[in-house]
PDB file of N, CA and C in Angstrom:
ATOM      1  N   MET A   1     -42.291-119.474   1.986  1.00  0.00           N
ATOM      2  CA  MET A   1     -43.601-119.367   2.032  1.00  0.00           C
ATOM      3  C   MET A   1     -44.120-119.482   0.979  1.00  0.00           C
ATOM      4  N   ARG A   2     -45.480-119.811   0.929  1.00  0.00           N
ATOM      5  CA  ARG A   2     -46.503-120.367   0.166  1.00  0.00           C
ATOM      6  C   ARG A   2     -46.912-119.124  -0.732  1.00  0.00           C
ATOM      7  N   VAL A   3     -47.554-119.701  -1.466  1.00  0.00           N
ATOM      8  CA  VAL A   3     -48.515-118.913  -2.840  1.00  0.00           C
ATOM      9  C   VAL A   3     -49.711-118.402  -1.760  1.00  0.00           C
ATOM     10  N   LYS A   4     -50.119-117.275  -1.891  1.00  0.00           N
ATOM     11  CA  LYS A   4     -51.124-116.414  -1.195  1.00  0.00           C
ATOM     12  C   LYS A   4     -51.084-116.348  -0.047  1.00  0.00           C
ATOM     13  N   SER A   5     -49.955-116.434   0.684  1.00  0.00           N
ATOM     14  CA  SER A   5     -49.586-116.079   2.397  1.00  0.00           C
ATOM     15  C   SER A   5     -48.866-114.538   2.460  1.00  0.00           C
ATOM     16  N   PHE A   6     -48.923-114.036   1.549  1.00  0.00           N
ATOM     17  CA  PHE A   6     -47.597-112.988   1.841  1.00  0.00           C
ATOM     18  C   PHE A   6     -48.597-111.437   2.436  1.00  0.00           C
ATOM     19  N   TRP A   7     -49.994-111.986   2.681  1.00  0.00           N
ATOM     20  CA  TRP A   7     -50.706-110.778   3.687  1.00  0.00           C
ATOM     21  C   TRP A   7     -50.124-111.408   5.131  1.00  0.00           C
ATOM     22  N   LYS A   8     -50.121-112.220   4.980  1.00  0.00           N
ATOM     23  CA  LYS A   8     -49.577-112.804   7.199  1.00  0.00           C
ATOM     24  C   LYS A   8     -48.387-112.084   7.125  1.00  0.00           C
ATOM     25  N   TYR A   9     -47.561-111.976   5.954  1.00  0.00           N
ATOM     26  CA  TYR A   9     -46.233-111.477   6.346  1.00  0.00           C
ATOM     27  C   TYR A   9     -45.934-109.601   6.482  1.00  0.00           C
ATOM     28  N   TYR A  10     -46.789-109.628   5.028  1.00  0.00           N
ATOM     29  CA  TYR A  10     -47.071-108.146   5.271  1.00  0.00           C
ATOM     30  C   TYR A  10     -47.411-107.480   6.846  1.00  0.00           C
ATOM     31  N   SER A  11     -48.694-108.086   7.177  1.00  0.00           N
ATOM     32  CA  SER A  11     -49.322-107.514   8.167  1.00  0.00           C
ATOM     33  C   SER A  11     -48.534-107.549   9.809  1.00  0.00           C
ATOM     34  N   GLY A  12     -47.222-108.630   9.644  1.00  0.00           N
ATOM     35  CA  GLY A  12     -46.467-109.008  11.088  1.00  0.00           C
ATOM     36  C   GLY A  12     -47.365-110.371  11.637  1.00  0.00           C
ATOM     37  N   GLN A  13     -48.268-110.752  10.843  1.00  0.00           N
ATOM     38  CA  GLN A  13     -48.964-112.080  11.810  1.00  0.00           C
ATOM     39  C   GLN A  13     -47.386-112.868  11.759  1.00  0.00           C
ATOM     40  N   GLU A  14     -46.788-113.392  10.704  1.00  0.00           N
ATOM     41  CA  GLU A  14     -45.891-114.181  10.555  1.00  0.00           C
ATOM     42  C   GLU A  14     -44.303-113.300  10.064  1.00  0.00           C
ATOM     43  N   ILE A  15     -43.221-113.772  10.229  1.00  0.00           N
ATOM     44  CA  ILE A  15     -42.343-113.235  10.164  1.00  0.00           C
ATOM     45  C   ILE A  15     -41.349-114.130   9.262  1.00  0.00           C
ATOM     46  N   ALA A  16     -40.711-114.120   8.320  1.00  0.00           N
ATOM     47  CA  ALA A  16     -39.816-114.760   7.408  1.00  0.00           C
ATOM     48  C   ALA A  16     -38.508-115.631   7.811  1.00  0.00           C
ATOM     49  N   PRO A  17     -38.610-116.843   8.152  1.00  0.00           N
ATOM     50  CA  PRO A  17     -37.802-117.198   8.711  1.00  0.00           C
ATOM     51  C   PRO A  17     -36.194-117.155   8.288  1.00  0.00           C
ATOM     52  N   VAL A  18     -35.770-116.758   6.968  1.00  0.00           N
ATOM     53  CA  VAL A  18     -34.354-116.278   6.775  1.00  0.00           C
ATOM     54  C   VAL A  18     -34.729-115.094   5.701  1.00  0.00           C
ATOM     55  N   LEU A  19     -33.746-114.232   5.934  1.00  0.00           N
ATOM     56  CA  LEU A  19     -33.814-113.047   4.770  1.00  0.00           C
ATOM     57  C   LEU A  19     -34.304-113.498   3.803  1.00  0.00           C
ATOM     58  N   THR A  20     -35.360-112.680   3.020  1.00  0.00           N
ATOM     59  CA  THR A  20     -35.917-113.396   1.946  1.00  0.00           C
ATOM     60  C   THR A  20     -35.763-111.625   0.648  1.00  0.00           C
ATOM     61  N   ILE A  21     -35.303-111.773  -0.421  1.00  0.00           N
ATOM     62  CA  ILE A  21     -34.694-110.547  -1.174  1.00  0.00           C
ATOM     63  C   ILE A  21     -35.933-111.282  -2.537  1.00  0.00           C
ATOM     64  N   PHE A  22     -36.918-109.855  -2.870  1.00  0.00           N
ATOM     65  CA  PHE A  22     -37.634-110.189  -3.923  1.00  0.00           C
ATOM     66  C   PHE A  22     -37.620-109.055  -4.987  1.00  0.00           C
ATOM     67  N   ILE A  23     -37.836-109.072  -6.007  1.00  0.00           N
ATOM     68  CA  ILE A  23     -38.665-108.234  -6.858  1.00  0.00           C
ATOM     69  C   ILE A  23     -40.036-108.446  -7.302  1.00  0.00           C
ATOM     70  N   GLY A  24     -40.814-107.045  -7.971  1.00  0.00           N
ATOM     71  CA  GLY A  24     -42.225-107.338  -8.589  1.00  0.00           C
ATOM     72  C   GLY A  24     -41.997-107.972  -9.366  1.00  0.00           C
ATOM     73  N   GLY A  25     -42.807-108.543  -9.470  1.00  0.00           N
ATOM     74  CA  GLY A  25     -43.373-109.877 -10.761  1.00  0.00           C
ATOM     75  C   GLY A  25     -44.635-109.883 -11.173  1.00  0.00           C
ATOM     76  N   ASN A  26     -45.390-110.282 -11.569  1.00  0.00           N
ATOM     77  CA  ASN A  26     -46.474-110.412 -12.396  1.00  0.00           C
ATOM     78  C   ASN A  26     -47.877-110.764 -11.338  1.00  0.00           C
ATOM     79  N   HIS A  27     -47.567-111.684 -10.088  1.00  0.00           N
ATOM     80  CA  HIS A  27     -48.555-112.201  -9.402  1.00  0.00           C
ATOM     81  C   HIS A  27     -48.631-111.669  -7.715  1.00  0.00           C
ATOM     82  N   GLU A  28     -48.226-111.012  -7.719  1.00  0.00           N
ATOM     83  CA  GLU A  28     -48.436-110.217  -6.071  1.00  0.00           C
ATOM     84  C   GLU A  28     -49.189-109.009  -5.974  1.00  0.00           C
ATOM     85  N   ALA A  29     -49.641-108.368  -4.858  1.00  0.00           N
ATOM     86  CA  ALA A  29     -50.164-107.537  -4.490  1.00  0.00           C
ATOM     87  C   ALA A  29     -49.261-106.160  -4.870  1.00  0.00           C
ATOM     88  N   SER A  30     -49.560-105.785  -6.071  1.00  0.00           N
ATOM     89  CA  SER A  30     -48.879-105.118  -6.657  1.00  0.00           C
ATOM     90  C   SER A  30     -49.209-103.671  -6.077  1.00  0.00           C
ATOM     91  N   ASN A  31     -50.847-103.514  -5.516  1.00  0.00           N
ATOM     92  CA  ASN A  31     -51.006-102.500  -4.803  1.00  0.00           C
ATOM     93  C   ASN A  31     -50.071-102.134  -3.492  1.00  0.00           C
ATOM     94  N   TYR A  32     -49.747-103.173  -2.739  1.00  0.00           N
ATOM     95  CA  TYR A  32     -49.017-102.708  -1.778  1.00  0.00           C
ATOM     96  C   TYR A  32     -47.262-102.294  -2.192  1.00  0.00           C
ATOM     97  N   LEU A  33     -46.915-103.227  -2.924  1.00  0.00           N
ATOM     98  CA  LEU A  33     -45.980-102.915  -3.670  1.00  0.00           C
ATOM     99  C   LEU A  33     -45.265-101.662  -3.957  1.00  0.00           C
ATOM    100  N   TRP A  34     -46.344-100.807  -4.316  1.00  0.00           N
ATOM    101  CA  TRP A  34     -45.928 -99.525  -5.123  1.00  0.00           C
ATOM    102  C   TRP A  34     -45.888 -98.622  -3.941  1.00  0.00           C
ATOM    103  N   GLU A  35     -45.670 -98.738  -3.094  1.00  0.00           N
ATOM    104  CA  GLU A  35     -45.200 -98.030  -2.040  1.00  0.00           C
ATOM    105  C   GLU A  35     -44.288 -98.001  -1.786  1.00  0.00           C
ATOM    106  N   LEU A  36     -43.118 -99.256  -2.454  1.00  0.00           N
ATOM    107  CA  LEU A  36     -42.000 -99.233  -2.353  1.00  0.00           C
ATOM    108  C   LEU A  36     -41.525 -99.417  -3.519  1.00  0.00           C
ATOM    109  N   TYR A  37     -41.928 -98.530  -4.677  1.00  0.00           N
ATOM    110  CA  TYR A  37     -41.393 -98.614  -5.956  1.00  0.00           C
ATOM    111  C   TYR A  37     -40.097 -98.677  -6.033  1.00  0.00           C
ATOM    112  N   TYR A  38     -39.146 -98.050  -5.303  1.00  0.00           N
ATOM    113  CA  TYR A  38     -38.002 -97.635  -5.157  1.00  0.00           C
ATOM    114  C   TYR A  38     -37.164 -99.013  -4.080  1.00  0.00           C
ATOM    115  N   GLY A  39     -37.742 -99.741  -3.480  1.00  0.00           N
ATOM    116  CA  GLY A  39     -37.624-100.629  -2.736  1.00  0.00           C
ATOM    117  C   GLY A  39     -37.293-100.324  -1.342  1.00  0.00           C
ATOM    118  N   GLY A  40     -37.146-101.232  -0.350  1.00  0.00           N
ATOM    119  CA  GLY A  40     -37.301-101.247   1.175  1.00  0.00           C
ATOM    120  C   GLY A  40     -37.863-102.434   1.633  1.00  0.00           C
ATOM    121  N   TRP A  41     -38.243-102.519   3.053  1.00  0.00           N
ATOM    122  CA  TRP A  41     -38.691-103.593   3.656  1.00  0.00           C
ATOM    123  C   TRP A  41     -40.246-103.614   3.326  1.00  0.00           C
ATOM    124  N   ALA A  42     -40.675-104.597   2.804  1.00  0.00           N
ATOM    125  CA  ALA A  42     -42.245-105.004   2.675  1.00  0.00           C
ATOM    126  C   ALA A  42     -42.663-105.486   3.786  1.00  0.00           C
ATOM    127  N   ALA A  43     -41.641-106.301   4.492  1.00  0.00           N
ATOM    128  CA  ALA A  43     -41.915-106.713   5.962  1.00  0.00           C
ATOM    129  C   ALA A  43     -41.109-107.428   6.746  1.00  0.00           C
ATOM    130  N   PRO A  44     -41.201-107.626   7.820  1.00  0.00           N
ATOM    131  CA  PRO A  44     -40.246-107.880   8.577  1.00  0.00           C
ATOM    132  C   PRO A  44     -39.394-109.381   8.514  1.00  0.00           C
ATOM    133  N   ASN A  45     -37.642-109.054   7.637  1.00  0.00           N
ATOM    134  CA  ASN A  45     -37.200-109.619   6.957  1.00  0.00           C
ATOM    135  C   ASN A  45     -37.465-110.326   5.470  1.00  0.00           C
ATOM    136  N   ILE A  46     -38.214-109.568   4.882  1.00  0.00           N
ATOM    137  CA  ILE A  46     -38.517-109.780   3.541  1.00  0.00           C
ATOM    138  C   ILE A  46     -38.130-107.898   2.836  1.00  0.00           C
ATOM    139  N   TYR A  47     -37.081-108.297   2.039  1.00  0.00           N
ATOM    140  CA  TYR A  47     -36.708-107.188   1.416  1.00  0.00           C
ATOM    141  C   TYR A  47     -37.038-106.881   0.074  1.00  0.00           C
ATOM    142  N   LEU A  48     -37.731-106.139  -0.579  1.00  0.00           N
ATOM    143  CA  LEU A  48     -38.102-106.085  -1.968  1.00  0.00           C
ATOM    144  C   LEU A  48     -36.968-105.055  -2.722  1.00  0.00           C
ATOM    145  N   LEU A  49     -36.759-105.191  -3.681  1.00  0.00           N
ATOM    146  CA  LEU A  49     -35.430-104.337  -4.431  1.00  0.00           C
ATOM    147  C   LEU A  49     -36.280-103.763  -5.183  1.00  0.00           C
ATOM    148  N   GLY A  50     -36.871-103.631  -5.174  1.00  0.00           N
ATOM    149  CA  GLY A  50     -37.695-101.977  -6.260  1.00  0.00           C
ATOM    150  C   GLY A  50     -38.389-102.720  -7.371  1.00  0.00           C
ATOM    151  N   PHE A  51     -38.501-102.082  -8.448  1.00  0.00           N
ATOM    152  CA  PHE A  51     -39.133-101.927  -9.599  1.00  0.00           C
ATOM    153  C   PHE A  51     -37.304-102.463 -10.623  1.00  0.00           C
ATOM    154  N   ALA A  52     -36.241-102.069  -9.489  1.00  0.00           N
ATOM    155  CA  ALA A  52     -34.997-102.324 -10.199  1.00  0.00           C
ATOM    156  C   ALA A  52     -34.027-101.627  -9.217  1.00  0.00           C
ATOM    157  N   GLY A  53     -33.508-102.877  -8.890  1.00  0.00           N
ATOM    158  CA  GLY A  53     -32.754-102.604  -7.754  1.00  0.00           C
ATOM    159  C   GLY A  53     -31.227-103.202  -7.627  1.00  0.00           C
ATOM    160  N   VAL A  54     -30.225-103.056  -6.413  1.00  0.00           N
ATOM    161  CA  VAL A  54     -29.432-103.531  -6.058  1.00  0.00           C
ATOM    162  C   VAL A  54     -28.910-103.476  -4.905  1.00  0.00           C
ATOM    163  N   VAL A  55     -28.810-104.421  -4.007  1.00  0.00           N
ATOM    164  CA  VAL A  55     -28.254-104.306  -2.958  1.00  0.00           C
ATOM    165  C   VAL A  55     -27.357-105.489  -2.559  1.00  0.00           C
ATOM    166  N   LYS A  56     -26.455-105.346  -1.356  1.00  0.00           N
ATOM    167  CA  LYS A  56     -25.205-106.243  -1.111  1.00  0.00           C
ATOM    168  C   LYS A  56     -25.274-107.034  -0.063  1.00  0.00           C
ATOM    169  N   PHE A  57     -25.308-107.678  -0.072  1.00  0.00           N
ATOM    170  CA  PHE A  57     -25.355-108.748   1.589  1.00  0.00           C
ATOM    171  C   PHE A  57     -24.080-109.541   1.405  1.00  0.00           C
ATOM    172  N   GLY A  58     -23.379-108.824   2.736  1.00  0.00           N
ATOM    173  CA  GLY A  58     -22.310-109.661   2.713  1.00  0.00           C
ATOM    174  C   GLY A  58     -21.175-109.248   1.713  1.00  0.00           C
ATOM    175  N   ASN A  59     -20.428-110.239   0.973  1.00  0.00           N
ATOM    176  CA  ASN A  59     -19.552-109.995  -0.139  1.00  0.00           C
ATOM    177  C   ASN A  59     -20.967-110.308  -1.011  1.00  0.00           C
ATOM    178  N   ILE A  60     -21.847-110.727  -0.981  1.00  0.00           N
ATOM    179  CA  ILE A  60     -22.465-110.761  -2.338  1.00  0.00           C
ATOM    180  C   ILE A  60     -23.354-109.318  -2.982  1.00  0.00           C
ATOM    181  N   ARG A  61     -23.474-109.318  -4.166  1.00  0.00           N
ATOM    182  CA  ARG A  61     -24.239-108.163  -4.657  1.00  0.00           C
ATOM    183  C   ARG A  61     -25.279-109.202  -5.307  1.00  0.00           C
ATOM    184  N   ILE A  62     -26.591-108.215  -5.271  1.00  0.00           N
ATOM    185  CA  ILE A  62     -27.805-108.810  -5.487  1.00  0.00           C
ATOM    186  C   ILE A  62     -28.285-107.650  -6.402  1.00  0.00           C
ATOM    187  N   GLY A  63     -28.951-107.927  -7.723  1.00  0.00           N
ATOM    188  CA  GLY A  63     -30.137-107.331  -8.434  1.00  0.00           C
ATOM    189  C   GLY A  63     -30.721-107.766  -9.079  1.00  0.00           C
ATOM    190  N   GLY A  64     -31.896-106.736  -9.310  1.00  0.00           N
ATOM    191  CA  GLY A  64     -33.157-107.488  -9.962  1.00  0.00           C
ATOM    192  C   GLY A  64     -33.775-106.424 -10.836  1.00  0.00           C
ATOM    193  N   LEU A  65     -34.589-106.967 -12.074  1.00  0.00           N
ATOM    194  CA  LEU A  65     -35.152-106.117 -12.935  1.00  0.00           C
ATOM    195  C   LEU A  65     -36.513-106.854 -12.913  1.00  0.00           C
ATOM    196  N   SER A  66     -37.276-105.567 -13.064  1.00  0.00           N
ATOM    197  CA  SER A  66     -38.929-106.236 -12.691  1.00  0.00           C
ATOM    198  C   SER A  66     -39.530-106.031 -13.974  1.00  0.00           C
ATOM    199  N   GLY A  67     -40.336-106.693 -14.411  1.00  0.00           N
ATOM    200  CA  GLY A  67     -41.045-106.467 -15.954  1.00  0.00           C
ATOM    201  C   GLY A  67     -41.410-107.796 -16.684  1.00  0.00           C
ATOM    202  N   ILE A  68     -42.323-107.853 -17.870  1.00  0.00           N
ATOM    203  CA  ILE A  68     -42.634-108.717 -18.687  1.00  0.00           C
ATOM    204  C   ILE A  68     -41.948-108.232 -19.953  1.00  0.00           C
ATOM    205  N   TYR A  69     -41.124-109.164 -20.542  1.00  0.00           N
ATOM    206  CA  TYR A  69     -40.552-109.038 -21.988  1.00  0.00           C
ATOM    207  C   TYR A  69     -41.758-108.917 -23.071  1.00  0.00           C
ATOM    208  N   ASN A  70     -41.495-107.990 -23.943  1.00  0.00           N
ATOM    209  CA  ASN A  70     -42.613-107.571 -24.943  1.00  0.00           C
ATOM    210  C   ASN A  70     -41.908-107.206 -25.508  1.00  0.00           C
ATOM    211  N   ALA A  71     -41.745-108.327 -26.759  1.00  0.00           N
ATOM    212  CA  ALA A  71     -40.844-107.730 -28.061  1.00  0.00           C
ATOM    213  C   ALA A  71     -40.635-106.466 -28.776  1.00  0.00           C
ATOM    214  N   PRO A  72     -42.341-106.559 -29.247  1.00  0.00           N
ATOM    215  CA  PRO A  72     -42.330-105.073 -30.043  1.00  0.00           C
ATOM    216  C   PRO A  72     -42.397-103.682 -29.106  1.00  0.00           C
ATOM    217  N   ASN A  73     -42.411-104.162 -27.633  1.00  0.00           N
ATOM    218  CA  ASN A  73     -42.217-103.050 -26.626  1.00  0.00           C
ATOM    219  C   ASN A  73     -40.688-102.705 -26.351  1.00  0.00           C
ATOM    220  N   TYR A  74     -40.038-103.735 -26.681  1.00  0.00           N
ATOM    221  CA  TYR A  74     -38.488-104.032 -26.062  1.00  0.00           C
ATOM    222  C   TYR A  74     -37.591-102.705 -26.678  1.00  0.00           C
ATOM    223  N   CYS A  75     -37.393-102.108 -27.735  1.00  0.00           N
ATOM    224  CA  CYS A  75     -36.913-100.893 -27.953  1.00  0.00           C
ATOM    225  C   CYS A  75     -37.576 -99.813 -27.996  1.00  0.00           C
ATOM    226  N   LEU A  76     -38.527 -99.674 -27.301  1.00  0.00           N
ATOM    227  CA  LEU A  76     -39.137 -97.898 -27.108  1.00  0.00           C
ATOM    228  C   LEU A  76     -38.814 -97.428 -26.324  1.00  0.00           C
ATOM    229  N   GLY A  77     -38.018 -98.003 -25.026  1.00  0.00           N
ATOM    230  CA  GLY A  77     -37.631 -97.376 -24.036  1.00  0.00           C
ATOM    231  C   GLY A  77     -38.359 -97.386 -22.746  1.00  0.00           C
ATOM    232  N   HIS A  78     -37.821 -96.745 -21.606  1.00  0.00           N
ATOM    233  CA  HIS A  78     -38.820 -97.185 -20.181  1.00  0.00           C
ATOM    234  C   HIS A  78     -38.800 -95.821 -19.842  1.00  0.00           C
ATOM    235  N   HIS A  79     -39.624 -94.772 -19.678  1.00  0.00           N
ATOM    236  CA  HIS A  79     -39.743 -93.683 -19.554  1.00  0.00           C
ATOM    237  C   HIS A  79     -40.141 -93.291 -18.065  1.00  0.00           C
ATOM    238  N   GLU A  80     -39.270 -93.606 -17.008  1.00  0.00           N
ATOM    239  CA  GLU A  80     -39.670 -93.277 -15.543  1.00  0.00           C
ATOM    240  C   GLU A  80     -40.252 -91.941 -15.153  1.00  0.00           C
ATOM    241  N   ARG A  81     -41.111 -92.552 -14.025  1.00  0.00           N
ATOM    242  CA  ARG A  81     -41.950 -91.151 -13.583  1.00  0.00           C
ATOM    243  C   ARG A  81     -41.919 -91.380 -11.884  1.00  0.00           C
ATOM    244  N   SER A  82     -42.164 -90.662 -10.667  1.00  0.00           N
ATOM    245  CA  SER A  82     -42.402 -90.712  -9.818  1.00  0.00           C
ATOM    246  C   SER A  82     -43.888 -91.425  -9.217  1.00  0.00           C
ATOM    247  N   PRO A  83     -43.630 -92.506  -8.276  1.00  0.00           N
ATOM    248  CA  PRO A  83     -44.207 -93.303  -8.310  1.00  0.00           C
ATOM    249  C   PRO A  83     -45.780 -92.691  -7.491  1.00  0.00           C
ATOM    250  N   TYR A  84     -45.778 -91.247  -7.045  1.00  0.00           N
ATOM    251  CA  TYR A  84     -46.210 -90.499  -6.631  1.00  0.00           C
ATOM    252  C   TYR A  84     -46.242 -88.748  -6.786  1.00  0.00           C
ATOM    253  N   ASN A  85     -47.361 -88.252  -6.914  1.00  0.00           N
ATOM    254  CA  ASN A  85     -47.167 -86.822  -7.124  1.00  0.00           C
ATOM    255  C   ASN A  85     -48.118 -86.094  -6.091  1.00  0.00           C
ATOM    256  N   ASP A  86     -47.985 -84.819  -6.037  1.00  0.00           N
ATOM    257  CA  ASP A  86     -49.006 -83.583  -5.039  1.00  0.00           C
ATOM    258  C   ASP A  86     -50.814 -84.489  -4.836  1.00  0.00           C
ATOM    259  N   ASN A  87     -51.240 -84.991  -6.183  1.00  0.00           N
ATOM    260  CA  ASN A  87     -52.420 -85.397  -6.188  1.00  0.00           C
ATOM    261  C   ASN A  87     -52.475 -86.531  -5.652  1.00  0.00           C
ATOM    262  N   THR A  88     -51.589 -87.254  -5.276  1.00  0.00           N
ATOM    263  CA  THR A  88     -51.949 -89.193  -5.262  1.00  0.00           C
ATOM    264  C   THR A  88     -51.320 -89.174  -3.767  1.00  0.00           C
ATOM    265  N   MET A  89     -50.813 -88.094  -3.180  1.00  0.00           N
ATOM    266  CA  MET A  89     -50.458 -88.244  -1.209  1.00  0.00           C
ATOM    267  C   MET A  89     -51.155 -87.464  -1.087  1.00  0.00           C
ATOM    268  N   GLY A  90     -52.280 -88.172  -0.169  1.00  0.00           N
ATOM    269  CA  GLY A  90     -53.057 -87.621   0.729  1.00  0.00           C
ATOM    270  C   GLY A  90     -53.409 -87.785   2.194  1.00  0.00           C
ATOM    271  N   THR A  91     -51.830 -88.388   2.464  1.00  0.00           N
ATOM    272  CA  THR A  91     -51.675 -87.900   4.065  1.00  0.00           C
ATOM    273  C   THR A  91     -49.902 -87.434   4.272  1.00  0.00           C
ATOM    274  N   GLY A  92     -49.658 -87.300   5.514  1.00  0.00           N
ATOM    275  CA  GLY A  92     -48.833 -86.695   5.961  1.00  0.00           C
ATOM    276  C   GLY A  92     -48.588 -84.780   5.811  1.00  0.00           C
ATOM    277  N   LYS A  93     -49.773 -84.506   5.305  1.00  0.00           N
ATOM    278  CA  LYS A  93     -49.422 -83.022   5.457  1.00  0.00           C
ATOM    279  C   LYS A  93     -49.813 -82.269   6.824  1.00  0.00           C
ATOM    280  N   LEU A  94     -48.906 -81.673   6.665  1.00  0.00           N
ATOM    281  CA  LEU A  94     -49.180 -80.899   7.884  1.00  0.00           C
ATOM    282  C   LEU A  94     -49.835 -79.624   7.880  1.00  0.00           C
ATOM    283  N   THR A  95     -51.046 -79.060   8.942  1.00  0.00           N
ATOM    284  CA  THR A  95     -51.558 -78.018   9.085  1.00  0.00           C
ATOM    285  C   THR A  95     -51.629 -77.194  10.299  1.00  0.00           C
ATOM    286  N   GLU A  96     -51.343 -75.838  10.246  1.00  0.00           N
ATOM    287  CA  GLU A  96     -51.336 -75.297  11.404  1.00  0.00           C
ATOM    288  C   GLU A  96     -52.831 -75.358  12.046  1.00  0.00           C
ATOM    289  N   THR A  97     -52.622 -75.572  13.722  1.00  0.00           N
ATOM    290  CA  THR A  97     -53.385 -75.152  14.545  1.00  0.00           C
ATOM    291  C   THR A  97     -53.525 -74.082  15.406  1.00  0.00           C
ATOM    292  N   ASP A  98     -54.978 -73.651  15.981  1.00  0.00           N
ATOM    293  CA  ASP A  98     -55.192 -72.333  16.700  1.00  0.00           C
ATOM    294  C   ASP A  98     -54.293 -72.832  17.879  1.00  0.00           C
TER     295      ASP A  98
END
């Protein structure tokens, strides 16, 4: 994959030739990856570990942590929250019809 070509894989226009496993970084389309906060298939043959995750591939365990080291904030802790709540989820709600 080349820089700025992820949309082709995300849309299904292209398929990665080998299994690709990645973590969230600094320069990708974070608005799309937010949907996979806990990990999942970002595109055919491309798996996002999430913002922290571990997978087993054959006999190999692969883990990753996303983020940028910032010395002043390092000891403050990380307070997790769910990526979505009732106000941010706008689809998938069922309603009764007559």
